[in-house]
N, C-alpha and C. Protein backbone atom coordinates (compact mmCIF):
# COMPACT_ATOMS: atom_id res chain seq x y z
N MET A 1 -2.93 14.46 -8.74
CA MET A 1 -2.31 13.24 -8.23
C MET A 1 -3.09 12.04 -8.75
N ARG A 2 -2.39 11.11 -9.36
CA ARG A 2 -3.02 9.89 -9.91
C ARG A 2 -2.97 8.78 -8.86
N ILE A 3 -4.16 8.41 -8.35
CA ILE A 3 -4.29 7.38 -7.33
C ILE A 3 -5.00 6.18 -7.94
N ALA A 4 -4.46 4.99 -7.66
CA ALA A 4 -5.07 3.75 -8.15
C ALA A 4 -5.31 2.81 -6.98
N VAL A 5 -6.33 1.98 -7.13
CA VAL A 5 -6.63 0.93 -6.16
C VAL A 5 -6.36 -0.41 -6.82
N TYR A 6 -5.65 -1.27 -6.11
CA TYR A 6 -5.42 -2.65 -6.54
C TYR A 6 -6.13 -3.54 -5.53
N PRO A 7 -7.34 -4.02 -5.87
CA PRO A 7 -8.11 -4.79 -4.91
C PRO A 7 -7.88 -6.30 -5.01
N GLY A 8 -8.15 -6.99 -3.92
CA GLY A 8 -8.09 -8.44 -3.93
C GLY A 8 -8.25 -9.01 -2.54
N SER A 9 -8.28 -10.32 -2.47
CA SER A 9 -8.36 -10.96 -1.16
C SER A 9 -6.95 -11.16 -0.58
N PHE A 10 -5.96 -11.39 -1.44
CA PHE A 10 -4.56 -11.52 -1.01
C PHE A 10 -4.42 -12.52 0.15
N ASP A 11 -4.96 -13.70 -0.04
CA ASP A 11 -5.02 -14.71 1.03
C ASP A 11 -4.17 -15.92 0.70
N PRO A 12 -2.84 -15.79 0.70
CA PRO A 12 -1.98 -14.64 0.99
C PRO A 12 -1.50 -13.96 -0.29
N ILE A 13 -0.74 -12.88 -0.10
CA ILE A 13 -0.12 -12.20 -1.24
C ILE A 13 0.90 -13.14 -1.88
N THR A 14 0.98 -13.10 -3.20
CA THR A 14 1.94 -13.93 -3.95
C THR A 14 2.94 -13.03 -4.67
N ASN A 15 3.95 -13.64 -5.26
CA ASN A 15 4.89 -12.87 -6.07
C ASN A 15 4.21 -12.27 -7.30
N GLY A 16 3.17 -12.91 -7.80
CA GLY A 16 2.40 -12.34 -8.90
C GLY A 16 1.71 -11.05 -8.48
N HIS A 17 1.10 -11.05 -7.30
CA HIS A 17 0.49 -9.82 -6.77
C HIS A 17 1.55 -8.74 -6.60
N LEU A 18 2.68 -9.12 -6.00
CA LEU A 18 3.73 -8.13 -5.76
C LEU A 18 4.27 -7.55 -7.07
N ASP A 19 4.37 -8.37 -8.09
CA ASP A 19 4.79 -7.91 -9.40
C ASP A 19 3.87 -6.79 -9.91
N ILE A 20 2.57 -7.00 -9.79
CA ILE A 20 1.59 -5.98 -10.22
C ILE A 20 1.72 -4.72 -9.37
N ILE A 21 1.85 -4.89 -8.06
CA ILE A 21 1.96 -3.73 -7.16
C ILE A 21 3.20 -2.90 -7.50
N GLU A 22 4.33 -3.56 -7.68
CA GLU A 22 5.56 -2.83 -7.98
C GLU A 22 5.46 -2.08 -9.30
N ARG A 23 4.92 -2.70 -10.30
CA ARG A 23 4.79 -2.05 -11.60
C ARG A 23 3.78 -0.91 -11.56
N ALA A 24 2.68 -1.10 -10.84
CA ALA A 24 1.68 -0.03 -10.71
C ALA A 24 2.27 1.16 -9.94
N ALA A 25 3.13 0.88 -8.95
CA ALA A 25 3.77 1.95 -8.18
C ALA A 25 4.66 2.82 -9.07
N GLY A 26 5.13 2.26 -10.17
CA GLY A 26 5.93 3.03 -11.12
C GLY A 26 5.10 3.87 -12.07
N VAL A 27 3.80 3.62 -12.11
CA VAL A 27 2.91 4.33 -13.03
C VAL A 27 2.09 5.41 -12.31
N PHE A 28 1.70 5.12 -11.07
CA PHE A 28 0.80 6.01 -10.34
C PHE A 28 1.52 6.71 -9.19
N ASP A 29 0.98 7.87 -8.80
CA ASP A 29 1.55 8.60 -7.67
C ASP A 29 1.33 7.85 -6.36
N GLU A 30 0.17 7.20 -6.26
CA GLU A 30 -0.14 6.40 -5.08
C GLU A 30 -0.92 5.16 -5.50
N VAL A 31 -0.57 4.02 -4.90
CA VAL A 31 -1.30 2.78 -5.11
C VAL A 31 -1.82 2.31 -3.75
N ILE A 32 -3.11 2.09 -3.70
CA ILE A 32 -3.73 1.59 -2.48
C ILE A 32 -4.07 0.12 -2.72
N VAL A 33 -3.45 -0.75 -1.96
CA VAL A 33 -3.76 -2.17 -2.04
C VAL A 33 -4.97 -2.38 -1.14
N GLY A 34 -6.09 -2.68 -1.77
CA GLY A 34 -7.36 -2.84 -1.05
C GLY A 34 -7.61 -4.30 -0.73
N VAL A 35 -7.58 -4.64 0.54
CA VAL A 35 -7.80 -6.01 0.98
C VAL A 35 -9.29 -6.19 1.26
N LEU A 36 -9.90 -7.01 0.43
CA LEU A 36 -11.34 -7.23 0.53
C LEU A 36 -11.67 -8.14 1.70
N ASN A 37 -12.60 -7.67 2.51
CA ASN A 37 -13.15 -8.48 3.59
C ASN A 37 -14.45 -9.08 3.06
N ASN A 38 -14.32 -10.22 2.40
CA ASN A 38 -15.46 -10.88 1.76
C ASN A 38 -16.09 -11.86 2.74
N LYS A 39 -17.27 -11.51 3.23
CA LYS A 39 -17.93 -12.33 4.23
C LYS A 39 -18.43 -13.67 3.68
N LYS A 40 -18.44 -13.81 2.35
CA LYS A 40 -18.88 -15.07 1.73
C LYS A 40 -17.76 -16.11 1.67
N LYS A 41 -16.54 -15.67 1.86
CA LYS A 41 -15.39 -16.59 1.79
C LYS A 41 -14.87 -16.89 3.18
N GLN A 42 -14.21 -18.02 3.29
CA GLN A 42 -13.54 -18.41 4.53
C GLN A 42 -12.03 -18.30 4.31
N PRO A 43 -11.47 -17.12 4.53
CA PRO A 43 -10.04 -16.96 4.28
C PRO A 43 -9.19 -17.69 5.32
N MET A 44 -7.99 -18.06 4.92
CA MET A 44 -7.04 -18.69 5.83
C MET A 44 -6.49 -17.65 6.80
N PHE A 45 -6.26 -16.46 6.29
CA PHE A 45 -5.66 -15.40 7.08
C PHE A 45 -6.69 -14.31 7.35
N SER A 46 -6.65 -13.74 8.54
CA SER A 46 -7.57 -12.65 8.87
C SER A 46 -7.22 -11.41 8.02
N VAL A 47 -8.12 -10.46 7.98
CA VAL A 47 -7.85 -9.22 7.25
C VAL A 47 -6.60 -8.56 7.81
N ALA A 48 -6.48 -8.51 9.13
CA ALA A 48 -5.32 -7.88 9.76
C ALA A 48 -4.03 -8.59 9.36
N GLU A 49 -4.06 -9.93 9.30
CA GLU A 49 -2.87 -10.68 8.89
C GLU A 49 -2.52 -10.40 7.44
N ARG A 50 -3.53 -10.33 6.58
CA ARG A 50 -3.28 -10.06 5.16
C ARG A 50 -2.71 -8.66 4.97
N VAL A 51 -3.26 -7.69 5.67
CA VAL A 51 -2.74 -6.32 5.60
C VAL A 51 -1.29 -6.30 6.07
N ASN A 52 -1.01 -6.98 7.17
CA ASN A 52 0.35 -7.03 7.70
C ASN A 52 1.32 -7.66 6.70
N MET A 53 0.93 -8.77 6.07
CA MET A 53 1.81 -9.42 5.09
C MET A 53 2.08 -8.51 3.90
N ILE A 54 1.06 -7.78 3.45
CA ILE A 54 1.26 -6.85 2.33
C ILE A 54 2.19 -5.72 2.75
N ASN A 55 1.98 -5.19 3.95
CA ASN A 55 2.85 -4.11 4.43
C ASN A 55 4.31 -4.57 4.52
N LEU A 56 4.53 -5.80 4.98
CA LEU A 56 5.89 -6.34 5.06
C LEU A 56 6.55 -6.43 3.68
N THR A 57 5.77 -6.82 2.68
CA THR A 57 6.34 -7.06 1.35
C THR A 57 6.40 -5.82 0.47
N THR A 58 5.72 -4.76 0.88
CA THR A 58 5.73 -3.52 0.08
C THR A 58 6.42 -2.36 0.80
N ALA A 59 7.10 -2.65 1.88
CA ALA A 59 7.74 -1.58 2.67
C ALA A 59 8.73 -0.76 1.84
N HIS A 60 9.29 -1.36 0.81
CA HIS A 60 10.27 -0.67 -0.05
C HIS A 60 9.60 0.29 -1.04
N LEU A 61 8.28 0.27 -1.11
CA LEU A 61 7.54 1.11 -2.06
C LEU A 61 6.86 2.24 -1.29
N LYS A 62 7.44 3.40 -1.36
CA LYS A 62 6.98 4.53 -0.54
C LYS A 62 5.62 5.10 -0.97
N ASN A 63 5.18 4.79 -2.18
CA ASN A 63 3.90 5.32 -2.65
C ASN A 63 2.80 4.25 -2.63
N VAL A 64 3.01 3.21 -1.83
CA VAL A 64 2.01 2.14 -1.70
C VAL A 64 1.53 2.10 -0.26
N ARG A 65 0.21 2.02 -0.10
CA ARG A 65 -0.35 1.81 1.23
C ARG A 65 -1.42 0.74 1.14
N THR A 66 -1.75 0.18 2.27
CA THR A 66 -2.70 -0.92 2.32
C THR A 66 -3.88 -0.51 3.18
N ALA A 67 -5.08 -0.89 2.74
CA ALA A 67 -6.30 -0.62 3.51
C ALA A 67 -7.27 -1.77 3.26
N SER A 68 -8.09 -2.07 4.24
CA SER A 68 -9.10 -3.11 4.05
C SER A 68 -10.44 -2.45 3.74
N PHE A 69 -11.30 -3.21 3.11
CA PHE A 69 -12.63 -2.70 2.80
C PHE A 69 -13.61 -3.84 2.65
N ASP A 70 -14.88 -3.51 2.81
CA ASP A 70 -15.95 -4.42 2.42
C ASP A 70 -16.97 -3.57 1.69
N GLY A 71 -17.87 -4.19 1.00
CA GLY A 71 -18.80 -3.44 0.19
C GLY A 71 -18.31 -3.33 -1.24
N LEU A 72 -18.82 -2.32 -1.93
CA LEU A 72 -18.51 -2.16 -3.35
C LEU A 72 -17.13 -1.54 -3.58
N LEU A 73 -16.41 -2.11 -4.52
CA LEU A 73 -15.09 -1.61 -4.88
C LEU A 73 -15.14 -0.16 -5.34
N VAL A 74 -16.13 0.20 -6.14
CA VAL A 74 -16.21 1.58 -6.64
C VAL A 74 -16.40 2.57 -5.49
N ASP A 75 -17.11 2.16 -4.45
CA ASP A 75 -17.27 3.03 -3.27
C ASP A 75 -15.94 3.21 -2.56
N PHE A 76 -15.19 2.12 -2.41
CA PHE A 76 -13.86 2.19 -1.80
C PHE A 76 -12.94 3.11 -2.62
N ALA A 77 -12.99 2.97 -3.94
CA ALA A 77 -12.17 3.82 -4.81
C ALA A 77 -12.55 5.29 -4.63
N LYS A 78 -13.84 5.59 -4.62
CA LYS A 78 -14.29 6.98 -4.43
C LYS A 78 -13.83 7.54 -3.08
N GLN A 79 -13.97 6.74 -2.03
CA GLN A 79 -13.58 7.19 -0.68
C GLN A 79 -12.09 7.52 -0.62
N ASN A 80 -11.31 6.91 -1.49
CA ASN A 80 -9.86 7.13 -1.50
C ASN A 80 -9.39 8.01 -2.66
N ASP A 81 -10.34 8.66 -3.34
CA ASP A 81 -10.03 9.54 -4.47
C ASP A 81 -9.24 8.85 -5.57
N ALA A 82 -9.49 7.55 -5.74
CA ALA A 82 -8.80 6.78 -6.77
C ALA A 82 -9.62 6.82 -8.05
N GLY A 83 -8.98 7.17 -9.14
CA GLY A 83 -9.66 7.21 -10.43
C GLY A 83 -9.46 5.96 -11.26
N VAL A 84 -8.59 5.06 -10.77
CA VAL A 84 -8.26 3.86 -11.52
C VAL A 84 -8.31 2.64 -10.61
N ILE A 85 -8.88 1.57 -11.14
CA ILE A 85 -8.87 0.26 -10.50
C ILE A 85 -7.91 -0.61 -11.30
N ILE A 86 -6.93 -1.18 -10.63
CA ILE A 86 -5.97 -2.06 -11.30
C ILE A 86 -6.41 -3.50 -11.09
N LYS A 87 -6.45 -4.24 -12.18
CA LYS A 87 -6.78 -5.66 -12.11
C LYS A 87 -5.65 -6.45 -12.75
N GLY A 88 -5.10 -7.36 -12.00
CA GLY A 88 -4.03 -8.21 -12.50
C GLY A 88 -4.62 -9.40 -13.24
N LEU A 89 -4.00 -9.75 -14.34
CA LEU A 89 -4.47 -10.89 -15.15
C LEU A 89 -3.34 -11.90 -15.29
N ARG A 90 -3.69 -13.17 -15.10
CA ARG A 90 -2.73 -14.26 -15.30
C ARG A 90 -3.03 -14.99 -16.60
N THR A 91 -4.31 -15.19 -16.88
CA THR A 91 -4.72 -16.01 -18.02
C THR A 91 -5.92 -15.38 -18.72
N VAL A 92 -6.28 -15.96 -19.85
CA VAL A 92 -7.47 -15.52 -20.58
C VAL A 92 -8.72 -15.70 -19.71
N ASN A 93 -8.75 -16.77 -18.92
CA ASN A 93 -9.90 -16.99 -18.04
C ASN A 93 -10.08 -15.83 -17.06
N ASP A 94 -8.98 -15.30 -16.54
CA ASP A 94 -9.07 -14.14 -15.65
C ASP A 94 -9.70 -12.96 -16.39
N PHE A 95 -9.31 -12.78 -17.65
CA PHE A 95 -9.81 -11.64 -18.42
C PHE A 95 -11.32 -11.66 -18.55
N GLU A 96 -11.91 -12.80 -18.85
CA GLU A 96 -13.36 -12.86 -19.04
C GLU A 96 -14.10 -12.35 -17.81
N TYR A 97 -13.73 -12.85 -16.64
CA TYR A 97 -14.39 -12.43 -15.40
C TYR A 97 -14.12 -10.96 -15.11
N GLU A 98 -12.85 -10.56 -15.21
CA GLU A 98 -12.47 -9.18 -14.87
C GLU A 98 -13.06 -8.18 -15.86
N PHE A 99 -13.21 -8.56 -17.11
CA PHE A 99 -13.84 -7.68 -18.10
C PHE A 99 -15.29 -7.40 -17.71
N GLN A 100 -16.01 -8.43 -17.31
CA GLN A 100 -17.40 -8.24 -16.87
C GLN A 100 -17.47 -7.33 -15.65
N MET A 101 -16.55 -7.55 -14.70
CA MET A 101 -16.52 -6.72 -13.50
C MET A 101 -16.19 -5.26 -13.85
N ALA A 102 -15.28 -5.07 -14.79
CA ALA A 102 -14.92 -3.71 -15.20
C ALA A 102 -16.11 -2.99 -15.81
N LEU A 103 -16.88 -3.70 -16.62
CA LEU A 103 -18.08 -3.09 -17.21
C LEU A 103 -19.10 -2.75 -16.14
N LEU A 104 -19.28 -3.62 -15.18
CA LEU A 104 -20.21 -3.34 -14.07
C LEU A 104 -19.73 -2.14 -13.27
N ASN A 105 -18.44 -2.11 -12.94
CA ASN A 105 -17.89 -0.99 -12.18
C ASN A 105 -18.03 0.33 -12.93
N LYS A 106 -17.85 0.29 -14.25
CA LYS A 106 -18.00 1.50 -15.06
C LYS A 106 -19.46 1.97 -15.05
N THR A 107 -20.40 1.02 -15.02
CA THR A 107 -21.81 1.37 -14.93
C THR A 107 -22.12 2.02 -13.58
N LEU A 108 -21.51 1.51 -12.53
CA LEU A 108 -21.75 2.04 -11.18
C LEU A 108 -21.05 3.37 -10.94
N SER A 109 -19.92 3.57 -11.60
CA SER A 109 -19.14 4.80 -11.41
C SER A 109 -18.44 5.16 -12.71
N SER A 110 -19.06 6.03 -13.47
CA SER A 110 -18.54 6.35 -14.81
C SER A 110 -17.16 7.02 -14.78
N GLU A 111 -16.80 7.63 -13.66
CA GLU A 111 -15.50 8.31 -13.60
C GLU A 111 -14.36 7.38 -13.19
N CYS A 112 -14.66 6.15 -12.87
CA CYS A 112 -13.63 5.20 -12.43
C CYS A 112 -13.24 4.26 -13.58
N GLU A 113 -11.97 4.29 -13.96
CA GLU A 113 -11.47 3.45 -15.04
C GLU A 113 -10.84 2.17 -14.49
N THR A 114 -10.84 1.12 -15.28
CA THR A 114 -10.15 -0.11 -14.92
C THR A 114 -8.95 -0.28 -15.84
N MET A 115 -7.82 -0.59 -15.23
CA MET A 115 -6.59 -0.84 -15.99
C MET A 115 -6.19 -2.29 -15.75
N PHE A 116 -6.04 -3.04 -16.82
CA PHE A 116 -5.62 -4.43 -16.73
C PHE A 116 -4.10 -4.51 -16.88
N MET A 117 -3.48 -5.28 -16.01
CA MET A 117 -2.03 -5.50 -16.09
C MET A 117 -1.79 -7.00 -16.09
N MET A 118 -1.06 -7.46 -17.08
CA MET A 118 -0.66 -8.87 -17.14
C MET A 118 0.49 -9.08 -16.17
N THR A 119 0.40 -10.14 -15.39
CA THR A 119 1.51 -10.45 -14.50
C THR A 119 2.68 -10.97 -15.33
N ASN A 120 3.84 -10.89 -14.79
CA ASN A 120 5.02 -11.45 -15.43
C ASN A 120 4.76 -12.93 -15.69
N SER A 121 5.13 -13.41 -16.84
CA SER A 121 4.83 -14.80 -17.21
C SER A 121 5.40 -15.82 -16.22
N LYS A 122 6.47 -15.48 -15.54
CA LYS A 122 7.02 -16.44 -14.59
C LYS A 122 6.15 -16.62 -13.35
N TYR A 123 5.13 -15.76 -13.19
CA TYR A 123 4.20 -15.88 -12.06
C TYR A 123 2.79 -16.27 -12.51
N SER A 124 2.59 -16.50 -13.79
CA SER A 124 1.24 -16.69 -14.31
C SER A 124 0.53 -17.94 -13.79
N TYR A 125 1.26 -18.87 -13.26
CA TYR A 125 0.65 -20.10 -12.74
C TYR A 125 0.34 -20.01 -11.25
N ILE A 126 0.77 -18.95 -10.60
CA ILE A 126 0.65 -18.85 -9.14
C ILE A 126 -0.71 -18.28 -8.75
N SER A 127 -1.35 -18.93 -7.79
CA SER A 127 -2.58 -18.41 -7.20
C SER A 127 -2.48 -18.56 -5.68
N SER A 128 -3.26 -17.78 -4.96
CA SER A 128 -3.28 -17.90 -3.50
C SER A 128 -3.76 -19.28 -3.09
N SER A 129 -4.69 -19.85 -3.84
CA SER A 129 -5.17 -21.21 -3.53
C SER A 129 -4.03 -22.21 -3.61
N MET A 130 -3.18 -22.07 -4.63
CA MET A 130 -2.04 -22.97 -4.78
C MET A 130 -1.08 -22.80 -3.60
N VAL A 131 -0.87 -21.57 -3.18
CA VAL A 131 0.03 -21.31 -2.06
C VAL A 131 -0.48 -22.00 -0.80
N LYS A 132 -1.77 -21.89 -0.56
CA LYS A 132 -2.35 -22.53 0.63
C LYS A 132 -2.21 -24.05 0.57
N GLU A 133 -2.40 -24.62 -0.60
CA GLU A 133 -2.26 -26.07 -0.73
C GLU A 133 -0.80 -26.49 -0.52
N LEU A 134 0.12 -25.74 -1.10
CA LEU A 134 1.54 -26.03 -0.89
C LEU A 134 1.90 -25.95 0.59
N ALA A 135 1.44 -24.91 1.25
CA ALA A 135 1.74 -24.72 2.67
C ALA A 135 1.15 -25.85 3.51
N GLU A 136 -0.04 -26.27 3.17
CA GLU A 136 -0.69 -27.35 3.91
C GLU A 136 0.14 -28.63 3.87
N TYR A 137 0.77 -28.90 2.72
CA TYR A 137 1.57 -30.11 2.55
C TYR A 137 3.07 -29.85 2.70
N LYS A 138 3.40 -28.70 3.31
CA LYS A 138 4.79 -28.34 3.62
C LYS A 138 5.66 -28.25 2.37
N GLY A 139 5.07 -27.77 1.27
CA GLY A 139 5.81 -27.59 0.03
C GLY A 139 6.70 -26.36 0.08
N ASN A 140 7.60 -26.25 -0.86
CA ASN A 140 8.54 -25.14 -0.94
C ASN A 140 7.83 -23.90 -1.49
N LEU A 141 7.83 -22.82 -0.73
CA LEU A 141 7.18 -21.57 -1.13
C LEU A 141 8.14 -20.55 -1.74
N GLU A 142 9.42 -20.87 -1.79
CA GLU A 142 10.39 -19.93 -2.33
C GLU A 142 10.11 -19.65 -3.80
N GLY A 143 10.14 -18.38 -4.16
CA GLY A 143 9.87 -17.97 -5.53
C GLY A 143 8.39 -17.85 -5.85
N ILE A 144 7.54 -18.24 -4.92
CA ILE A 144 6.09 -18.21 -5.14
C ILE A 144 5.43 -17.09 -4.34
N VAL A 145 5.92 -16.90 -3.11
CA VAL A 145 5.46 -15.78 -2.28
C VAL A 145 6.67 -14.95 -1.89
N PRO A 146 6.47 -13.70 -1.54
CA PRO A 146 7.61 -12.87 -1.12
C PRO A 146 8.33 -13.52 0.08
N TYR A 147 9.66 -13.45 0.06
CA TYR A 147 10.47 -14.11 1.09
C TYR A 147 10.12 -13.64 2.50
N GLN A 148 9.66 -12.37 2.62
CA GLN A 148 9.37 -11.82 3.94
C GLN A 148 8.24 -12.55 4.67
N ILE A 149 7.39 -13.27 3.93
CA ILE A 149 6.23 -13.89 4.57
C ILE A 149 6.26 -15.43 4.55
N ILE A 150 7.30 -16.02 4.03
CA ILE A 150 7.36 -17.49 3.96
C ILE A 150 7.21 -18.10 5.35
N GLN A 151 8.00 -17.63 6.31
CA GLN A 151 7.93 -18.21 7.65
C GLN A 151 6.58 -17.91 8.29
N TYR A 152 6.05 -16.75 8.03
CA TYR A 152 4.73 -16.36 8.55
C TYR A 152 3.67 -17.37 8.11
N ILE A 153 3.70 -17.73 6.84
CA ILE A 153 2.74 -18.70 6.29
C ILE A 153 2.97 -20.08 6.90
N LYS A 154 4.23 -20.50 6.98
CA LYS A 154 4.54 -21.81 7.57
C LYS A 154 4.07 -21.88 9.02
N ASP A 155 4.30 -20.82 9.77
CA ASP A 155 3.88 -20.78 11.18
C ASP A 155 2.36 -20.87 11.31
N LYS A 156 1.66 -20.21 10.43
CA LYS A 156 0.19 -20.24 10.45
C LYS A 156 -0.32 -21.68 10.23
N TYR A 157 0.28 -22.37 9.30
CA TYR A 157 -0.14 -23.74 9.02
C TYR A 157 0.26 -24.70 10.14
N GLU A 158 1.38 -24.44 10.78
CA GLU A 158 1.76 -25.28 11.94
C GLU A 158 0.75 -25.09 13.07
N LEU A 159 0.33 -23.87 13.31
CA LEU A 159 -0.69 -23.62 14.35
C LEU A 159 -1.99 -24.31 14.02
N GLN A 160 -2.34 -24.36 12.75
CA GLN A 160 -3.59 -25.01 12.32
C GLN A 160 -3.53 -26.51 12.62
N ARG A 161 -2.34 -27.07 12.55
CA ARG A 161 -2.19 -28.53 12.77
C ARG A 161 -2.29 -28.92 14.23
N LEU A 162 -2.03 -27.98 15.13
CA LEU A 162 -2.04 -28.28 16.58
C LEU A 162 -3.42 -28.53 17.11
């Protein structure tokens, strides 16, 4: 069984992320979307909220599951019997950073491979940071994040304003 991990903060998940997840689900027997609990960052959404949003948007993919983790990605991959780490790329700048991380991960775990997937060009400009800024200023999120979570994001920002 070919298992892959697609890690990230997903704060929140975007259509670019979903594009990678859907395509990876067509390649691997199982895809685990790993939601990083990075204590160095101040996420807008809690880990539980991020996991919930991913579950809502990937419910149609029967071979995708979501789990949270902290610590080293290679340890998370080993714990889940994943032999591949999927990294989504939007731009050349993403590649430089992700290439270095892939080399480090290979040093830490020689049996774990990294697979780079370019997002669909129509999503290449989308980032979670952009989504948060749009939501803060009540911008239109259609086509940028999965439709299932648009209201969820809007509600979160309305609560922040109270």
